[in-house]
Protein backbone atom coordinates (compact mmCIF):
# COMPACT_ATOMS: atom_id res chain seq x y z
CA MET A 1 0.00 0.00 0.00
CA SER A 2 1.36 3.41 -0.94
CA THR A 3 1.80 6.30 1.46
CA ILE A 4 -1.09 8.21 -0.08
CA GLU A 5 -3.38 5.16 0.19
CA ARG A 6 -2.53 4.77 3.87
CA PHE A 7 -3.11 8.48 4.37
CA LEU A 8 -6.57 8.35 2.80
CA ARG A 9 -7.59 5.14 4.56
CA GLN A 10 -6.86 6.83 7.87
CA ARG A 11 -9.49 9.41 6.83
CA ASN A 12 -7.25 12.43 7.22
CA TRP A 13 -9.78 14.51 5.31
CA ASN A 14 -9.33 17.64 7.43
CA ILE A 15 -5.59 17.66 6.81
CA LEU A 16 -6.12 17.12 3.09
CA SER A 17 -8.72 19.90 2.96
CA GLU A 18 -6.36 22.31 4.70
CA LEU A 19 -3.55 21.51 2.28
CA ILE A 20 -5.82 22.08 -0.72
CA PHE A 21 -7.24 25.29 0.73
CA HIS A 22 -3.86 26.88 1.45
CA SER A 23 -2.08 25.68 -1.70
CA GLU A 24 -0.90 28.39 -4.10
CA ASP A 25 -1.57 25.96 -6.95
CA LEU A 26 -5.01 25.95 -8.55
CA ILE A 27 -7.16 22.96 -7.55
CA ALA A 28 -10.77 22.26 -8.53
CA VAL A 29 -13.13 19.32 -9.01
CA PHE A 30 -15.97 19.13 -11.55
CA ASP A 31 -18.73 16.53 -11.79
CA MET A 32 -19.64 14.62 -14.96
CA ASN A 33 -21.81 17.55 -16.10
CA TYR A 34 -18.88 19.97 -15.64
CA ARG A 35 -20.47 21.53 -12.56
CA LEU A 36 -17.93 22.85 -10.06
CA LEU A 37 -17.98 20.73 -6.90
CA LEU A 38 -15.12 22.36 -5.03
CA ALA A 39 -12.29 24.81 -5.66
CA ASN A 40 -9.54 26.31 -3.55
CA PRO A 41 -9.03 30.09 -3.25
CA ALA A 42 -6.19 30.06 -5.79
CA TYR A 43 -8.50 28.64 -8.47
CA CYS A 44 -11.37 30.99 -7.56
CA GLN A 45 -9.07 34.00 -7.74
CA ALA A 46 -7.61 33.02 -11.12
CA TYR A 47 -10.95 31.99 -12.68
CA TYR A 48 -13.16 34.55 -10.91
CA CYS A 49 -15.73 32.16 -9.53
CA ASP A 50 -17.57 31.61 -6.26
CA PRO A 51 -17.22 28.04 -4.89
CA ASN A 52 -20.47 28.43 -2.96
CA THR A 53 -22.62 28.84 -6.07
CA GLU A 54 -23.45 26.32 -8.80
CA ASN A 55 -20.88 27.14 -11.46
CA HIS A 56 -20.48 25.16 -14.65
CA TRP A 57 -17.15 25.16 -16.46
CA GLN A 58 -18.78 26.54 -19.61
CA ASP A 59 -20.35 29.46 -17.69
CA ILE A 60 -17.07 30.26 -15.93
CA MET A 61 -15.17 30.33 -19.22
CA ARG A 62 -17.91 32.26 -21.05
CA LEU A 63 -18.14 34.99 -18.40
CA ASN A 64 -14.35 35.38 -18.19
CA TYR A 65 -14.17 35.66 -21.97
CA GLU A 66 -16.87 38.34 -22.06
CA GLN A 67 -15.20 40.36 -19.30
CA LYS A 68 -11.64 39.81 -20.62
CA ARG A 69 -10.31 38.28 -17.42
CA GLY A 70 -9.15 34.88 -16.19
CA PRO A 71 -7.82 32.54 -18.89
CA VAL A 72 -7.02 34.03 -22.29
CA VAL A 73 -9.23 32.53 -25.03
CA GLU A 74 -8.27 33.55 -28.55
CA THR A 75 -11.45 33.18 -30.59
CA ASP A 76 -14.16 35.26 -32.23
CA ASP A 77 -16.83 32.68 -31.39
CA ILE A 78 -16.79 31.60 -27.75
CA GLU A 79 -19.65 29.12 -28.19
CA ALA A 80 -17.82 27.29 -30.97
CA TRP A 81 -14.64 27.32 -28.86
CA LEU A 82 -16.47 25.85 -25.87
CA MET A 83 -17.97 23.07 -27.99
CA GLU A 84 -14.58 22.16 -29.48
CA ALA A 85 -12.99 22.13 -26.02
CA LEU A 86 -15.70 19.87 -24.58
CA ALA A 87 -15.58 17.50 -27.56
CA ARG A 88 -11.78 17.07 -27.39
CA ARG A 89 -11.91 16.03 -23.72
CA ALA A 90 -13.65 12.75 -24.53
CA VAL A 91 -11.93 9.42 -23.82
CA LEU A 92 -8.79 11.05 -22.41
CA LYS A 93 -8.47 10.11 -18.74
CA TYR A 94 -5.55 12.49 -18.37
CA ARG A 95 -4.33 15.48 -20.32
CA SER A 96 -1.94 18.37 -19.73
CA PHE A 97 -1.40 21.70 -21.44
CA GLU A 98 -0.32 25.27 -20.77
CA ALA A 99 -2.56 28.34 -20.68
CA GLU A 100 -2.20 32.09 -20.28
CA LEU A 101 -4.12 34.18 -17.77
CA HIS A 102 -4.97 37.84 -18.34
CA GLY A 103 -2.19 39.77 -16.66
CA GLY A 104 0.64 37.73 -18.12
CA LYS A 105 0.78 34.67 -15.87
CA TRP A 106 1.18 31.25 -17.49
CA ILE A 107 -0.02 28.04 -15.86
CA TRP A 108 0.52 24.35 -16.57
CA ILE A 109 -2.81 22.52 -16.31
CA THR A 110 -3.47 18.82 -15.78
CA GLU A 111 -6.94 17.28 -15.87
CA THR A 112 -7.62 13.77 -14.60
CA VAL A 113 -11.01 12.12 -15.20
CA SER A 114 -12.35 9.31 -13.00
CA PRO A 115 -14.34 6.35 -14.44
CA GLU A 116 -17.48 8.14 -13.21
CA GLY A 117 -16.62 11.29 -15.15
CA VAL A 118 -15.45 13.45 -12.23
CA THR A 119 -12.60 15.76 -13.28
CA LEU A 120 -9.72 16.88 -11.08
CA PHE A 121 -8.21 20.18 -12.30
CA TYR A 122 -4.72 21.06 -11.10
CA ALA A 123 -2.56 23.96 -12.30
CA THR A 124 0.75 25.50 -11.26
CA ASP A 125 2.52 28.73 -12.23
CA ILE A 126 5.11 28.26 -15.01
CA SER A 127 5.54 31.91 -15.97
CA THR A 128 9.34 31.70 -15.74
CA VAL A 129 9.71 28.34 -17.48
CA ARG A 130 10.97 28.19 -21.09
CA THR A 131 9.49 31.53 -22.11
CA SER A 132 11.70 31.69 -25.20
CA SER A 133 10.07 28.63 -26.82
CA ARG A 134 6.49 29.28 -25.69
CA LYS A 135 5.33 30.76 -28.99
CA LEU A 136 6.58 27.74 -30.91
CA ARG A 137 4.85 25.37 -28.50
CA LEU A 138 1.56 27.25 -28.80
CA GLU A 139 1.74 27.26 -32.60
CA ARG A 140 2.48 23.52 -32.56
CA ASP A 141 -0.46 22.81 -30.24
CA ALA A 142 -2.82 24.97 -32.33
CA ALA A 143 -1.81 23.14 -35.51
CA ARG A 144 -2.35 19.79 -33.78
CA ARG A 145 -5.83 20.79 -32.60
CA ALA A 146 -6.74 21.98 -36.09
CA SER A 147 -5.64 18.66 -37.59
CA TRP A 148 -7.95 16.83 -35.18
CA THR A 149 -11.04 19.02 -35.63
CA ASP A 150 -13.78 19.01 -38.26
CA PRO A 151 -13.74 22.61 -39.54
CA LEU A 152 -17.51 22.85 -40.06
CA THR A 153 -18.96 21.41 -36.85
CA GLY A 154 -16.02 21.83 -34.47
CA VAL A 155 -16.25 18.21 -33.25
CA PRO A 156 -13.40 15.69 -33.61
CA ASN A 157 -12.73 14.48 -37.15
CA ARG A 158 -12.13 10.94 -38.39
CA ARG A 159 -8.40 11.11 -37.78
CA TYR A 160 -8.78 12.10 -34.13
CA ILE A 161 -11.49 9.52 -33.52
CA MET A 162 -9.50 6.65 -34.99
CA ASP A 163 -6.34 7.63 -33.10
CA ARG A 164 -8.20 7.76 -29.78
CA LEU A 165 -10.16 4.54 -30.40
CA GLU A 166 -7.08 2.55 -31.42
CA GLU A 167 -5.17 3.87 -28.42
CA TRP A 168 -8.06 3.08 -26.07
CA HIS A 169 -8.60 -0.43 -27.46
CA GLU A 170 -4.92 -1.31 -27.18
CA LYS A 171 -4.80 -0.26 -23.52
CA GLN A 172 -8.16 -1.78 -22.61
CA SER A 173 -7.32 -5.13 -24.21
CA CYS A 174 -4.39 -5.51 -21.83
CA GLN A 175 -6.72 -5.38 -18.82
CA ALA A 176 -7.93 -8.60 -17.21
CA GLU A 177 -11.53 -7.38 -17.32
CA PHE A 178 -12.50 -5.84 -20.65
CA GLY A 179 -15.93 -4.60 -19.60
CA GLU A 180 -18.92 -3.65 -21.75
CA HIS A 181 -18.38 -0.87 -24.27
CA VAL A 182 -20.43 0.32 -27.23
CA LEU A 183 -19.77 1.93 -30.59
CA ALA A 184 -22.43 3.47 -32.82
CA VAL A 185 -22.39 4.91 -36.34
CA VAL A 186 -25.27 7.20 -37.32
CA ASP A 187 -26.18 8.95 -40.55
CA LEU A 188 -28.66 11.79 -41.06
CA ASP A 189 -31.60 10.63 -43.17
CA LYS A 190 -32.22 12.07 -46.65
CA PHE A 191 -29.65 14.77 -46.07
CA LYS A 192 -29.22 15.41 -49.80
CA ARG A 193 -32.88 16.39 -49.89
CA ILE A 194 -32.26 19.05 -47.22
CA ASN A 195 -29.41 20.48 -49.29
CA ASP A 196 -31.47 20.39 -52.48
CA LEU A 197 -34.56 22.00 -50.94
CA TYR A 198 -33.00 24.60 -48.66
CA GLY A 199 -29.42 25.01 -49.84
CA HIS A 200 -26.07 23.91 -48.48
CA ASP A 201 -25.95 26.71 -45.90
CA VAL A 202 -29.01 25.29 -44.18
CA GLY A 203 -27.60 21.78 -44.55
CA ASP A 204 -24.43 22.94 -42.81
CA GLU A 205 -26.54 24.48 -40.07
CA VAL A 206 -28.32 21.17 -39.50
CA LEU A 207 -24.98 19.36 -39.15
CA CYS A 208 -23.75 21.97 -36.68
CA SER A 209 -27.02 21.91 -34.70
CA PHE A 210 -26.91 18.13 -34.40
CA SER A 211 -23.28 18.24 -33.26
CA GLN A 212 -23.96 20.93 -30.67
CA ASN A 213 -26.91 19.02 -29.18
CA VAL A 214 -24.85 15.86 -28.86
CA VAL A 215 -21.78 17.49 -27.31
CA LYS A 216 -23.97 19.20 -24.69
CA HIS A 217 -25.49 15.90 -23.55
CA ILE A 218 -22.82 13.18 -23.79
CA ARG A 219 -20.72 12.09 -20.83
CA PRO A 220 -17.21 13.56 -20.42
CA PHE A 221 -15.59 10.26 -21.36
CA ASP A 222 -17.80 9.54 -24.39
CA LEU A 223 -16.33 10.21 -27.81
CA PHE A 224 -18.33 11.78 -30.63
CA GLY A 225 -17.21 13.09 -33.98
CA ARG A 226 -17.92 13.51 -37.66
CA ILE A 227 -16.37 10.79 -39.81
CA GLY A 228 -17.55 12.03 -43.19
CA GLY A 229 -20.42 13.85 -44.90
CA GLU A 230 -23.49 13.46 -42.70
CA GLU A 231 -22.08 10.43 -40.85
CA PHE A 232 -21.07 10.52 -37.18
CA LEU A 233 -19.55 8.08 -34.71
CA PHE A 234 -20.35 7.63 -31.01
CA PHE A 235 -18.11 5.73 -28.63
CA MET A 236 -19.65 5.01 -25.23
CA PRO A 237 -17.40 3.14 -22.78
CA ASN A 238 -18.91 1.31 -19.80
CA CYS A 239 -22.29 1.21 -21.50
CA SER A 240 -24.66 -1.52 -22.71
CA PRO A 241 -26.25 -1.56 -26.19
CA ALA A 242 -29.69 -1.04 -24.63
CA ILE A 243 -28.59 2.10 -22.77
CA ALA A 244 -26.74 3.36 -25.86
CA ARG A 245 -29.88 2.91 -27.93
CA HIS A 246 -31.88 4.84 -25.33
CA ARG A 247 -29.37 7.70 -25.46
CA LEU A 248 -29.47 7.82 -29.23
CA SER A 249 -33.28 7.87 -29.08
CA MET A 250 -32.99 10.99 -26.92
CA PHE A 251 -30.89 12.65 -29.62
CA GLN A 252 -33.45 11.51 -32.18
CA SER A 253 -36.15 13.37 -30.22
CA MET A 254 -34.00 16.50 -30.24
CA ALA A 255 -33.48 16.18 -33.99
CA LEU A 256 -37.22 15.94 -34.57
CA ASN A 257 -37.74 19.35 -32.98
CA PRO A 258 -37.94 22.13 -35.59
CA LYS A 259 -34.62 23.83 -36.30
CA GLN A 260 -34.58 27.36 -37.57
CA GLY A 261 -32.44 27.61 -40.69
CA SER A 262 -30.64 30.68 -41.99
CA LYS A 263 -33.71 31.39 -44.19
CA ASN A 264 -36.16 31.08 -41.27
CA LEU A 265 -37.24 27.63 -42.47
CA SER A 266 -38.24 25.10 -39.82
CA ILE A 267 -36.07 22.05 -40.47
CA VAL A 268 -37.06 18.67 -39.07
CA TYR A 269 -34.44 15.99 -39.56
CA THR A 270 -33.88 12.42 -38.45
CA PHE A 271 -31.09 9.89 -38.42
CA SER A 272 -30.54 6.16 -38.54
CA GLY A 273 -27.84 4.19 -36.79
CA GLY A 274 -26.20 0.92 -35.88
CA VAL A 275 -25.01 0.02 -32.37
CA VAL A 276 -22.53 -2.75 -31.56
CA SER A 277 -20.65 -4.01 -28.53
CA ILE A 278 -16.89 -3.71 -28.88
CA CYS A 279 -15.04 -7.03 -28.79
CA LYS A 280 -11.76 -7.49 -26.98
CA ASP A 281 -10.40 -9.91 -29.58
CA GLU A 282 -11.43 -7.89 -32.66
CA ASP A 283 -9.79 -4.64 -33.69
CA ILE A 284 -11.78 -1.43 -33.56
CA HIS A 285 -12.17 -1.35 -37.34
CA TYR A 286 -14.19 -4.58 -37.16
CA SER A 287 -16.62 -2.93 -34.72
CA ILE A 288 -17.01 0.08 -37.01
CA ARG A 289 -17.75 -2.18 -39.98
CA GLU A 290 -20.38 -4.05 -37.95
CA ALA A 291 -22.00 -0.77 -36.87
CA ASP A 292 -21.97 0.38 -40.51
CA ARG A 293 -23.67 -2.86 -41.54
CA LEU A 294 -26.48 -2.27 -39.04
CA LEU A 295 -26.74 1.37 -40.17
CA TYR A 296 -27.29 0.33 -43.79
CA ARG A 297 -29.90 -2.19 -42.67
CA ALA A 298 -31.70 0.55 -40.70
CA LYS A 299 -31.73 2.70 -43.84
CA ALA A 300 -33.10 -0.20 -45.90
CA GLU A 301 -35.85 -0.86 -43.36
CA GLY A 302 -37.24 2.66 -43.60
CA ARG A 303 -34.80 4.96 -41.75
CA VAL A 304 -35.48 6.84 -38.48
CA ARG A 305 -34.37 3.86 -36.40
CA ILE A 306 -31.48 2.54 -34.34
CA LEU A 307 -30.55 -1.13 -34.70
CA CYS A 308 -28.45 -3.16 -32.26
């Protein structure tokens, strides 16, 4: 047993709370819906938030952006930036990156996600570390993010999805217990008709609206992205096919609500999909092909349905 495990088993919660409270490093915890559960004074001071109110990460970032304080966000569209940031977090149990705060301070951030979707945020001041190469590192990171992102919808593209899925499957297959995990491929129904009737601008708006609705409602560790045209992929770890189908049905209900297009046309759209359980002994490409096969069958059987 490690020292930290012994410490926690002895229930030294008061000591731990004091250490977190007085630390000059930024420490915060968010639940699976990105609601702030706790934060120390250093985090609240840097991100201008009150730990006694119900703050969501998106609201904290949005308000700081509008008031030009807290973390520096270089974008002309904060809502698109927030969606991209949320979508990229999926599947990664741990990530680290640097960020600038208004006022010139730079921090190194690490985020660790539990199996239940709770996120531990930790950041430390690195303002004096490698300042000469910072611009190059930021340009490199920006180029990497761009190569992983679908430029229209802002969600992960096929390249990012395949990299993350292959990486996840390789690690998970080494575990003694593989668990139950689900992959789904969905395709918007009769999308060409939408483009033909209303124009490609409205078609693009439908794709973006669908993506935004999904990103807002998936779990932090789910993966969702656009893999081509009007086709999207969902990866839902620790999930059964029945629950996955229920979740997709919820998105179907959202899609059936009228969407206001750029020409004030009410657009109702649907999708079809195939859901499969991921096999430990088959590579991830096999699962995608099986989900595709079910998708095509759903289309042949009349569309607007999810097959398992």
